[in-house]
Every structure is written in C-alpha cells, then in structure tokens.
Protein backbone atom coordinates (compact mmCIF):
# COMPACT_ATOMS: atom_id res chain seq x y z
CA MET A 1 105.42 122.82 -43.61
CA SER A 2 105.32 126.47 -42.67
CA ALA A 3 107.88 127.83 -40.10
CA PHE A 4 104.95 129.37 -38.28
CA SER A 5 102.69 126.24 -37.84
CA GLY A 6 101.68 125.52 -34.34
CA ILE A 7 102.20 129.15 -33.15
CA VAL A 8 98.95 130.61 -31.79
CA ALA A 9 98.32 134.31 -33.03
CA PRO A 10 97.86 136.57 -30.09
CA SER A 11 94.75 138.41 -29.33
CA TYR A 12 94.54 142.25 -29.75
CA VAL A 13 94.77 142.76 -25.94
CA THR A 14 97.93 140.73 -25.71
CA PHE A 15 99.44 142.49 -28.63
CA CYS A 16 98.75 145.95 -27.04
CA LEU A 17 100.24 144.80 -23.69
CA ALA A 18 103.44 143.79 -25.55
CA VAL A 19 103.68 146.97 -27.42
CA ARG A 20 103.36 148.92 -24.06
CA GLU A 21 106.11 146.87 -22.61
CA ARG A 22 108.69 148.05 -25.16
CA PRO A 23 111.25 150.52 -24.03
CA VAL A 24 109.60 154.09 -24.59
CA PHE A 25 112.98 155.70 -25.18
CA GLU A 26 113.73 153.56 -28.08
CA SER A 27 110.23 153.80 -29.62
CA VAL A 28 110.12 157.59 -29.37
CA LEU A 29 113.76 157.82 -30.68
CA LYS A 30 112.89 155.91 -33.79
CA ARG A 31 109.55 157.81 -34.46
CA GLN A 32 110.13 161.37 -33.28
CA GLY A 33 113.98 161.68 -33.08
CA ARG A 34 116.62 162.54 -30.30
CA ARG A 35 114.88 165.70 -29.05
CA ALA A 36 111.67 164.26 -28.41
CA ALA A 37 113.18 161.05 -26.82
CA TYR A 38 115.49 163.10 -24.65
CA ARG A 39 112.79 163.41 -21.85
CA HIS A 40 112.64 159.50 -21.63
CA GLU A 41 116.33 159.11 -21.37
CA PRO A 42 117.40 157.41 -18.26
CA PHE A 43 119.13 159.38 -15.50
CA TYR A 44 122.36 158.51 -13.74
CA TRP A 45 121.21 157.22 -10.27
CA GLN A 46 124.74 156.49 -8.97
CA LEU A 47 128.23 157.48 -9.69
CA ASP A 48 130.78 155.01 -11.27
CA PRO A 49 134.11 155.49 -13.15
CA THR A 50 132.10 156.03 -16.41
CA THR A 51 129.52 158.58 -15.08
CA PRO A 52 129.93 162.26 -15.84
CA ARG A 53 130.77 164.26 -12.73
CA HIS A 54 130.14 167.67 -11.53
CA GLY A 55 133.53 168.35 -10.07
CA ASP A 56 135.29 167.17 -6.95
CA ARG A 57 136.07 170.48 -5.58
CA PRO A 58 135.07 174.15 -5.65
CA PHE A 59 136.14 176.11 -8.80
CA GLU A 60 136.74 172.88 -10.80
CA ILE A 61 133.58 173.27 -12.88
CA GLY A 62 131.48 176.43 -13.37
CA HIS A 63 128.31 176.78 -15.39
CA ILE A 64 127.62 180.11 -17.23
CA ASP A 65 124.17 180.81 -18.65
CA HIS A 66 121.81 183.79 -19.30
CA THR A 67 118.03 184.39 -18.61
CA GLU A 68 115.51 187.22 -19.09
CA LEU A 69 114.15 188.11 -15.72
CA ASP A 70 110.30 188.25 -15.32
CA VAL A 71 110.11 192.04 -14.23
CA GLU A 72 109.69 195.40 -15.99
CA LEU A 73 112.27 198.04 -15.01
CA LEU A 74 112.14 201.87 -15.10
CA CYS A 75 114.79 204.39 -15.91
CA SER A 76 116.19 206.25 -12.88
CA GLY A 77 116.16 209.63 -14.70
CA THR A 78 113.00 209.79 -16.63
CA SER A 79 110.74 206.96 -15.13
CA ARG A 80 110.36 205.53 -18.64
CA VAL A 81 109.71 201.74 -18.87
CA LEU A 82 112.99 200.17 -20.22
CA GLY A 83 111.89 196.55 -20.43
CA ARG A 84 113.06 193.29 -18.98
CA PRO A 85 116.76 192.92 -18.08
CA TRP A 86 119.11 189.84 -18.86
CA MET A 87 120.78 188.14 -15.92
CA THR A 88 123.96 186.12 -16.37
CA LEU A 89 125.01 183.74 -13.62
CA LEU A 90 128.12 181.82 -13.00
CA ILE A 91 127.47 178.81 -10.68
CA ASP A 92 129.92 176.47 -9.08
CA ALA A 93 129.09 172.88 -9.94
CA PHE A 94 130.39 171.39 -6.70
CA SER A 95 128.81 173.65 -4.21
CA ARG A 96 125.94 175.14 -6.21
CA ARG A 97 127.22 178.50 -5.05
CA CYS A 98 126.76 181.70 -7.30
CA LEU A 99 130.31 182.86 -8.12
CA GLY A 100 129.32 185.91 -10.24
CA LEU A 101 126.29 187.98 -11.35
CA ASP A 102 125.88 190.45 -14.36
CA LEU A 103 122.71 192.28 -14.97
CA SER A 104 122.00 194.35 -18.21
CA PHE A 105 119.53 195.35 -20.64
CA ASP A 106 121.48 194.03 -23.63
CA ALA A 107 120.94 190.55 -24.93
CA PRO A 108 123.59 187.91 -24.33
CA SER A 109 126.84 188.85 -26.22
CA HIS A 110 130.64 188.62 -25.65
CA ARG A 111 130.22 191.62 -23.37
CA SER A 112 128.12 189.47 -21.05
CA CYS A 113 130.81 186.78 -21.01
CA MET A 114 133.46 189.42 -20.28
CA MET A 115 131.52 191.10 -17.41
CA ILE A 116 130.62 187.81 -15.60
CA SER A 117 134.27 186.86 -15.65
CA ARG A 118 135.06 190.31 -14.10
CA ALA A 119 132.53 189.76 -11.45
CA CYS A 120 133.89 186.36 -10.55
CA VAL A 121 137.52 187.60 -10.27
CA GLN A 122 136.42 190.64 -8.44
CA ARG A 123 134.54 188.64 -5.81
CA HIS A 124 136.67 185.44 -5.53
CA GLY A 125 139.99 186.30 -7.11
CA ARG A 126 139.98 183.28 -9.55
CA LEU A 127 138.09 181.62 -12.42
CA PRO A 128 136.82 178.09 -12.64
CA GLN A 129 139.21 175.49 -14.11
CA ILE A 130 136.58 174.25 -16.47
CA VAL A 131 133.71 176.54 -17.89
CA ALA A 132 130.67 174.63 -19.08
CA ILE A 133 128.52 176.65 -21.45
CA ASP A 134 125.82 176.04 -24.09
CA GLY A 135 126.16 176.31 -27.89
CA GLY A 136 125.20 180.11 -27.86
CA PRO A 137 127.29 182.31 -30.27
CA GLU A 138 128.31 184.59 -27.58
CA PHE A 139 130.45 181.84 -26.02
CA GLN A 140 132.13 181.26 -29.43
CA SER A 141 133.63 184.65 -29.54
CA THR A 142 137.34 185.10 -30.04
CA TYR A 143 137.45 187.45 -26.96
CA PHE A 144 135.98 184.99 -24.53
CA GLU A 145 138.09 181.99 -25.80
CA ALA A 146 141.28 184.18 -25.59
CA LEU A 147 140.51 185.15 -22.01
CA LEU A 148 139.94 181.55 -20.92
CA ALA A 149 143.18 180.50 -22.70
CA ARG A 150 145.11 183.35 -20.95
CA TYR A 151 144.04 182.14 -17.62
CA GLU A 152 144.29 178.34 -18.37
CA CYS A 153 140.60 177.68 -18.22
CA ILE A 154 139.09 174.74 -20.21
CA LYS A 155 135.80 175.54 -22.20
CA LYS A 156 133.34 172.60 -22.48
CA THR A 157 130.12 172.97 -24.55
CA ARG A 158 126.96 171.17 -23.49
CA PRO A 159 125.29 168.74 -26.07
CA PRO A 160 122.68 170.62 -27.97
CA ALA A 161 118.99 170.00 -26.90
CA LYS A 162 120.01 168.24 -23.71
CA SER A 163 119.04 170.71 -21.00
CA ARG A 164 120.01 168.38 -18.09
CA PHE A 165 123.66 169.11 -18.73
CA GLY A 166 122.87 172.77 -17.53
CA SER A 167 120.36 171.80 -14.86
CA LEU A 168 122.44 173.35 -12.19
CA VAL A 169 122.20 176.94 -13.56
CA GLU A 170 118.73 176.46 -14.77
CA ARG A 171 117.54 175.50 -11.23
CA ALA A 172 119.18 178.57 -9.93
CA PHE A 173 117.17 180.58 -12.44
CA GLY A 174 113.97 179.04 -11.48
CA THR A 175 114.58 179.38 -7.75
CA THR A 176 115.58 183.05 -8.18
CA ASN A 177 112.39 183.73 -10.15
CA THR A 178 110.04 182.01 -7.78
CA GLN A 179 111.59 183.14 -4.50
CA PHE A 180 112.52 186.71 -5.44
CA ILE A 181 111.60 188.19 -8.86
CA HIS A 182 107.96 186.95 -8.81
CA ASN A 183 107.39 188.77 -5.42
CA LEU A 184 108.41 192.11 -6.97
CA ARG A 185 106.04 194.78 -8.27
CA GLY A 186 105.98 194.74 -12.08
CA ASN A 187 106.71 191.10 -12.52
CA THR A 188 105.53 189.60 -15.74
CA GLN A 189 104.02 186.31 -14.59
CA ILE A 190 100.45 187.32 -15.84
CA THR A 191 101.76 187.84 -19.40
CA ARG A 192 101.77 184.12 -19.75
CA ASN A 193 97.94 184.42 -20.28
CA VAL A 194 97.80 187.48 -22.63
CA ARG A 195 94.07 187.43 -22.86
CA GLN A 196 93.94 188.12 -19.12
CA VAL A 197 96.27 191.18 -19.21
CA THR A 198 94.41 194.49 -18.73
CA LYS A 199 95.70 197.97 -18.01
CA ALA A 200 94.90 197.41 -14.21
CA VAL A 201 97.16 194.46 -14.01
CA ASP A 202 99.72 195.35 -16.86
CA PRO A 203 103.19 194.91 -15.41
CA ARG A 204 104.41 197.98 -17.31
CA GLU A 205 101.90 200.18 -15.32
CA HIS A 206 103.23 198.70 -12.07
CA ALA A 207 106.88 198.95 -12.76
CA THR A 208 108.77 200.28 -9.81
CA TRP A 209 112.32 198.92 -9.75
CA MET A 210 115.46 200.48 -11.54
CA LEU A 211 118.36 198.44 -12.74
CA ALA A 212 120.85 199.59 -10.05
CA ALA A 213 118.49 198.98 -7.10
CA LEU A 214 117.53 195.48 -8.44
CA HIS A 215 121.15 194.53 -8.98
CA GLU A 216 121.90 195.52 -5.35
CA ARG A 217 118.93 193.50 -3.97
CA LEU A 218 119.60 190.63 -6.36
CA SER A 219 123.21 190.42 -5.16
CA ASP A 220 121.96 190.43 -1.58
CA TYR A 221 119.65 187.56 -2.39
CA LEU A 222 122.09 185.38 -4.28
CA PHE A 223 125.14 186.05 -2.08
CA GLU A 224 123.47 186.17 1.39
CA VAL A 225 120.15 184.38 1.30
CA TYR A 226 120.35 181.72 -1.46
CA ASP A 227 124.02 181.14 -0.28
CA THR A 228 122.98 180.26 3.22
CA ILE A 229 119.80 178.17 2.65
CA GLU A 230 120.20 174.46 2.83
CA HIS A 231 120.32 172.97 -0.65
CA PRO A 232 118.15 169.89 -1.05
CA ALA A 233 120.78 168.19 -3.26
CA LEU A 234 123.58 168.83 -0.88
CA GLY A 235 122.06 168.52 2.63
CA GLN A 236 123.88 171.70 3.53
CA SER A 237 124.08 175.45 2.29
CA PRO A 238 126.04 176.20 -0.77
CA ARG A 239 128.42 178.33 1.44
CA GLU A 240 129.04 175.48 3.80
CA ALA A 241 129.84 173.05 0.95
CA PHE A 242 132.05 175.50 -0.55
CA ARG A 243 134.20 175.82 2.56
CA ALA A 244 134.15 172.17 3.17
CA GLY A 245 135.40 171.54 -0.30
CA PHE A 246 138.42 173.94 0.26
CA GLU A 247 139.13 172.34 3.39
CA ALA A 248 139.26 168.88 1.85
CA SER A 249 141.06 169.84 -1.51
CA GLY A 250 143.18 172.76 -0.63
CA PHE A 251 143.05 176.42 -1.69
CA ARG A 252 145.39 176.23 -4.68
CA MET A 253 146.94 179.66 -4.58
CA GLU A 254 148.49 179.32 -7.98
CA ARG A 255 145.01 179.65 -9.44
CA MET A 256 144.55 183.21 -7.98
CA ILE A 257 144.10 185.97 -10.46
CA PRO A 258 144.86 189.67 -9.26
CA TYR A 259 142.15 192.15 -10.19
CA ASP A 260 144.42 194.50 -11.66
CA GLN A 261 145.07 196.59 -14.92
CA GLU A 262 146.33 193.35 -16.70
CA PHE A 263 143.19 191.47 -16.00
CA LEU A 264 140.96 194.26 -16.94
CA MET A 265 142.62 194.67 -20.30
CA ALA A 266 142.19 190.97 -20.84
CA THR A 267 138.57 191.41 -20.38
CA LEU A 268 138.24 194.22 -23.06
CA PRO A 269 137.24 193.19 -26.57
CA THR A 270 139.47 193.89 -29.60
CA THR A 271 138.79 193.86 -33.41
CA PRO A 272 138.68 190.66 -35.49
CA LYS A 273 142.27 191.47 -36.66
CA GLY A 274 143.49 192.33 -33.12
CA SER A 275 145.63 195.12 -34.10
CA ALA A 276 145.51 198.46 -35.94
CA LYS A 277 147.92 200.63 -38.00
CA VAL A 278 149.11 203.76 -36.32
CA THR A 279 148.29 206.56 -38.86
CA PRO A 280 150.60 209.60 -38.59
CA GLY A 281 148.78 212.54 -37.06
CA ARG A 282 145.42 210.49 -36.66
CA GLY A 283 146.23 207.35 -34.52
CA VAL A 284 144.54 203.89 -34.82
CA LYS A 285 141.14 203.39 -36.36
CA ILE A 286 138.57 201.16 -34.46
CA HIS A 287 135.04 200.72 -35.90
CA HIS A 288 135.24 203.77 -38.18
CA ILE A 289 136.73 206.01 -35.39
CA TYR A 290 140.24 207.28 -34.92
CA TYR A 291 141.88 207.16 -31.44
CA TRP A 292 144.81 209.30 -30.51
CA SER A 293 147.50 209.21 -27.71
CA SER A 294 150.65 211.29 -27.38
CA ARG A 295 152.62 208.12 -27.51
CA PHE A 296 151.90 207.81 -31.18
CA GLN A 297 154.05 210.78 -31.99
CA ASP A 298 157.12 208.66 -31.64
CA PRO A 299 158.57 208.07 -35.16
CA ALA A 300 159.35 204.44 -34.23
CA VAL A 301 155.58 203.84 -33.69
CA GLU A 302 154.19 205.45 -36.62
CA ASN A 303 152.91 203.22 -39.49
CA ARG A 304 153.27 200.12 -37.30
CA GLN A 305 150.54 197.55 -36.34
CA VAL A 306 149.93 197.68 -32.60
CA PRO A 307 147.57 195.39 -30.40
CA ILE A 308 144.43 197.36 -29.49
CA ARG A 309 141.62 197.12 -27.05
CA TYR A 310 138.30 199.18 -26.83
CA ASP A 311 135.71 199.70 -24.03
CA PRO A 312 132.38 198.34 -25.24
CA PHE A 313 130.55 200.74 -22.89
CA ASP A 314 132.41 203.94 -23.74
CA ALA A 315 133.19 204.69 -27.35
CA GLY A 316 135.28 207.68 -26.36
CA THR A 317 138.10 205.51 -24.94
CA ALA A 318 140.34 202.80 -26.36
CA TYR A 319 143.70 201.29 -25.60
CA ALA A 320 146.82 200.45 -27.49
CA PHE A 321 149.92 198.39 -26.59
CA VAL A 322 153.02 200.68 -27.20
CA GLU A 323 156.53 200.08 -26.09
CA GLY A 324 155.56 197.20 -23.63
CA GLN A 325 152.67 198.80 -22.01
CA TRP A 326 148.90 199.66 -22.54
CA VAL A 327 148.21 203.43 -23.23
CA GLN A 328 144.98 205.20 -23.12
CA CYS A 329 143.67 206.74 -26.35
CA HIS A 330 140.95 209.21 -26.83
CA SER A 331 138.66 209.32 -29.87
CA GLU A 332 138.09 212.22 -32.30
CA TYR A 333 134.97 213.96 -31.17
CA HIS A 334 135.63 212.67 -27.75
CA THR A 335 133.21 215.18 -26.12
CA VAL A 336 130.41 213.65 -28.23
CA LEU A 337 131.29 209.94 -28.18
CA HIS A 338 132.31 209.76 -24.50
CA GLY A 339 129.67 207.67 -22.64
CA HIS A 340 128.09 206.15 -25.82
CA SER A 341 128.21 202.32 -25.76
CA GLU A 342 129.31 200.11 -28.53
CA LYS A 343 125.80 198.89 -29.23
CA GLU A 344 124.60 202.44 -29.51
CA LEU A 345 127.13 203.15 -32.12
CA MET A 346 126.10 200.01 -33.93
CA ILE A 347 122.54 201.15 -34.01
CA ALA A 348 123.75 204.69 -35.48
CA SER A 349 125.99 202.99 -38.08
CA LYS A 350 123.01 200.75 -39.28
CA GLU A 351 120.84 203.87 -39.57
CA LEU A 352 123.41 205.74 -41.49
CA HIS A 353 123.83 202.71 -43.90
CA ARG A 354 120.01 202.59 -44.46
CA ARG A 355 120.15 206.21 -45.37
CA ARG A 356 122.80 205.82 -47.73
CA GLN A 357 121.04 202.96 -49.48
CA CYS A 358 117.93 204.94 -49.79
CA HIS A 359 119.60 207.77 -51.25
CA SER A 360 122.11 205.72 -53.35
CA GLN A 361 125.01 207.63 -51.78
CA GLY A 362 128.33 205.72 -51.91
CA VAL A 363 129.86 207.73 -48.93
CA ALA A 364 131.83 205.91 -46.32
CA ILE A 365 130.91 206.12 -42.63
CA THR A 366 133.26 208.45 -40.54
CA ALA A 367 133.54 209.44 -36.99
CA GLY A 368 132.30 212.97 -37.97
CA LYS A 369 129.17 211.63 -39.42
CA LEU A 370 128.57 209.34 -36.45
CA ALA A 371 129.07 212.29 -34.07
CA ALA A 372 126.79 214.54 -36.18
CA PHE A 373 124.17 211.85 -36.19
CA LEU A 374 124.42 211.25 -32.40
CA GLN A 375 123.82 214.89 -31.89
CA SER A 376 120.70 215.13 -34.22
CA VAL A 377 117.12 214.97 -33.09
CA GLU A 378 116.47 211.90 -35.05
CA ALA A 379 119.21 210.06 -33.15
CA ASP A 380 117.58 211.07 -29.81
CA GLU A 381 114.48 209.37 -30.84
CA LEU A 382 116.28 206.31 -32.28
CA LEU A 383 118.90 205.77 -29.37
CA MET A 384 117.07 207.14 -26.43
CA ALA A 385 115.99 203.75 -25.19
CA GLN A 386 119.37 202.16 -25.62
CA ARG A 387 121.15 205.30 -24.00
CA LEU A 388 118.95 204.98 -20.95
CA ARG A 389 119.60 201.29 -20.74
CA ASP A 390 123.41 201.91 -20.95
CA GLN A 391 123.35 204.61 -18.23
CA GLU A 392 121.44 202.22 -15.86
CA ALA A 393 123.88 199.39 -16.53
CA GLN A 394 126.90 201.62 -15.71
CA ALA A 395 125.96 201.78 -11.99
CA THR A 396 126.01 197.86 -11.82
CA ARG A 397 129.69 197.63 -13.48
CA ARG A 398 131.57 200.18 -11.38
CA ALA A 399 134.94 199.09 -10.46
CA PRO A 400 135.86 198.57 -6.79
CA ALA A 401 137.63 201.24 -4.78
CA THR A 402 140.72 199.05 -4.38
CA ILE A 403 142.22 196.59 -6.81
CA ARG A 404 143.12 193.23 -5.32
CA PRO A 405 146.87 192.68 -5.67
CA ALA A 406 148.48 189.38 -6.48
CA PRO A 407 148.32 186.78 -3.55
CA PRO A 408 151.68 186.33 -1.58
CA PRO A 409 153.72 183.16 -2.56
CA ASP A 410 153.70 181.63 0.86
CA SER A 411 150.40 179.81 0.39
CA ASP A 412 150.97 177.49 3.36
CA LYS A 413 150.19 180.49 5.65
CA PHE A 414 146.57 180.55 4.46
CA ARG A 415 143.73 178.31 5.84
CA ILE A 416 140.00 178.12 5.39
CA ASP A 417 137.96 179.53 8.40
CA PRO A 418 134.80 177.35 8.61
CA ALA A 419 133.17 179.70 11.13
CA GLY A 420 133.88 183.03 9.73
CA ASP A 421 132.25 184.95 6.94
CA ASP A 422 135.28 185.22 4.88
CA ASP A 423 136.61 182.15 2.90
CA ILE A 424 140.42 182.67 3.78
CA VAL A 425 142.21 184.09 6.76
CA CYS A 426 145.98 184.40 7.47
CA ASN A 427 147.42 182.65 10.49
CA ARG A 428 149.74 185.57 11.05
CA ASP A 429 147.62 188.67 10.53
CA CYS A 430 143.99 188.29 9.85
CA ALA A 431 143.22 192.13 9.47
CA GLN A 432 145.88 192.54 6.84
CA VAL A 433 144.40 189.70 4.63
CA GLY A 434 141.01 190.96 5.13
CA GLU A 435 142.06 194.42 3.78
CA ILE A 436 143.83 192.75 0.80
CA TYR A 437 141.15 190.30 -0.23
CA GLY A 438 137.90 191.63 1.13
CA GLU A 439 134.91 189.46 1.55
CA PHE A 440 134.74 186.52 -0.79
C-alpha cells in the first residue's frame, strides 16, 4: 500500500496559494542570493538586548560617508565648469546631528577622511567613540586607522551590500539634495533622463556656484537649518536631542581633543614606511622630492631614519620629527612646487612614466623633472582642471584664526545650557569659555 494513498492531490489554484504563502525572504534568498533578498529582510520594530543599537548618547557612534552632489560648479577665477563636488559628512547616530562637513572636487580618499576628522574636532572639540564606515578603500588606509587609534576611537565596518546600516547618513544625503541642492541653479536632476537634455537646459550652461560659496551656504543649511528642524524619527530637532543627550549622559571632558599642532600633525598622511633617511646636504625624500630643514645639519641627525608627514595640498611643505619636535621642511624647487597638491603631482608623475615608456628611457623621476614638467605648456593643459579644483578647495579648508586649547581639568564646573546657542557654558565665567571654545 502506497504511503500517499488517501491523499487528495491539490488543484492548481490551491498549489499557487500555498506557494504565495511561503516566506518571500527565504525564497528569494535561495533563488537570487543575499543581495536580492536583502530588501525583503525584516526590520527591527522594537529594541531588546539582542537588537543592534544606534548609541545611547551623543558622540558614541558617528557615521561617515561620501556622495557626489547633484550640482555643477564654476571656477572662481576663470568661470570654467569644474564639475560636481564630493561631500563627506559625519553624522551623530544618537541625535542625527551633522558633526562635520568636507567639500572637495577630489573623489573619496584618505584625504577626505583626515579632513572630516579635522572639521569635527574644529567644531566640537572631540571625535565619536565609535566610527561606522562602509567597506570603501579610503577607510582602510593606514593614516585613518592610526588617527583613530591615537584618539581611542573604534572603527566598525558596515556589512557589505546592506545599505540599511548606513541609513542615517544616506537619509541626510537625500534630504540635503531635495531641500537644498536641487533648488540651486546648475543642479543635475535632468541628466537622469539623458535624451531630454538640450543646450537650453544643460546644467553646465546654467552653472553659477563656486566651491567656496557653496561650502559656506551648505554649512549654514546643515548647521543652522537642518539642525533645528524637527526630525521625524526623534520628535525633536537634532540640536535639541544633542543637548538632551549631554544632559542625561554627561559631557565626558576626558574625550576632548584640543585643535592644536599635535592634532593637525596627526591628520597629515605619511609614507607607507612612515619614516625617511636624512641624506646629508639634501634632507628627506618623499614621493621623489627632497625636503630640507636647517635642523638636518646636526651630525647626530644625519643618516638617521626620522618620522615624516607631508601636506597633501601643498607639495612644497613637509614635516619631520627631529629631537622631540616636528620641524617644517621645504622642498627643492620650492617656488615651483609650492601650492601644488599631491594629486596634481601624481598626475604629473604618471604622465612622465608614460613618456618614459613610449621612448624606452630608463630614467628615474626626480624633483627637477617634476618641476620642469609642471612649468611646461603641456602640463598647463593636463593639470589646469586639477589645479583649479585644488585652488577652490583651499578656501574651504582654511584653519581657524585661533586654535582651541586643551580643556581645563575641573570638568565639574561645566554644564549644558539647554536654552543657549552654545553646547557648553561655564558656571564661573561664561564669556571666557565662549572665547576658548567658540560656538559648537
């Protein structure tokens, strides 16, 4: 007797209904894989001890990400269209407040990570305890990891192909585009439908904004408008949630980071080796270029390996750690290389390599050849766009007039002011603290 005797075969309609009642997530997972099934994965509707959290206080978790803004920009000197800028944001997970902003024409790199860290410390005097990032190569650089380790920050990488883990910063990108960027002249919304783009509506023909002006207005929007509008997920503005979190959890003065020379040096990149040999009479060699300081004349320093740092936005300047302090070094051909960025030199180096390969010349690249190339007419054609972008970006990265010193040790004399514009005031002398810390 068969095991299936007595069982009535279902009709086609009943079979289809049973198939539709199967979990969609499991079905798509088996047929199309995890990336396709991710959209059907269930949400966390309530918090319990096993649910991932977004932080219990301000500056516990910060999300960093990049996006290319939907607007064409002009050069302030030549009115030439330079393209679309990249925006890097650091968002506080607890309050949804923007902690830092960096705007540049360069694609995301370790320079973007360093500059967003500078912007956060310059504005708030601290870094998040946990930094959540995606799997981009710019976040895996030695420079960025060394900076986080130096200031005791934990780096957590979001799972690949799971965008919900970065929904906080992605939502900030979308809101910024819809509320601000898409209302500017030269925005690129229409380019999504390429066949509809004509010369009359081409964003490049209507470009009006420069990088410095956009950075100023974008800062006003993020830190004054977006910061004070009620957030639907919080029921209050990010600024109010930020202050309420500090009132409940404390200010944690031990996490303060002074915006001083030590911090600025920590945000400068170094070579893969991290040090260079002091060659007598020539100095240290960084990226084919020798840098010299009068401190290298000391016989105790010659032929020794010293830690080095270089400025990615000025090839004419570097720093070396000699006798317990950082000293400034100037490059050979300083008058030519001064003001040229690291990326500009990389473009010039690649062009020289290409020429050498075409002519089968086994000649090493030197600072003299780089300087001669940068002065040539062909370099002007090749590097003009990058040079204009770097000049525009310099206006957005100027250091403040005063450097914030280290906070006083008696942290109990500080409290949160829920009514004022500043995040901290001093019970003894409000004016003095306002001069030291400025507006957060």
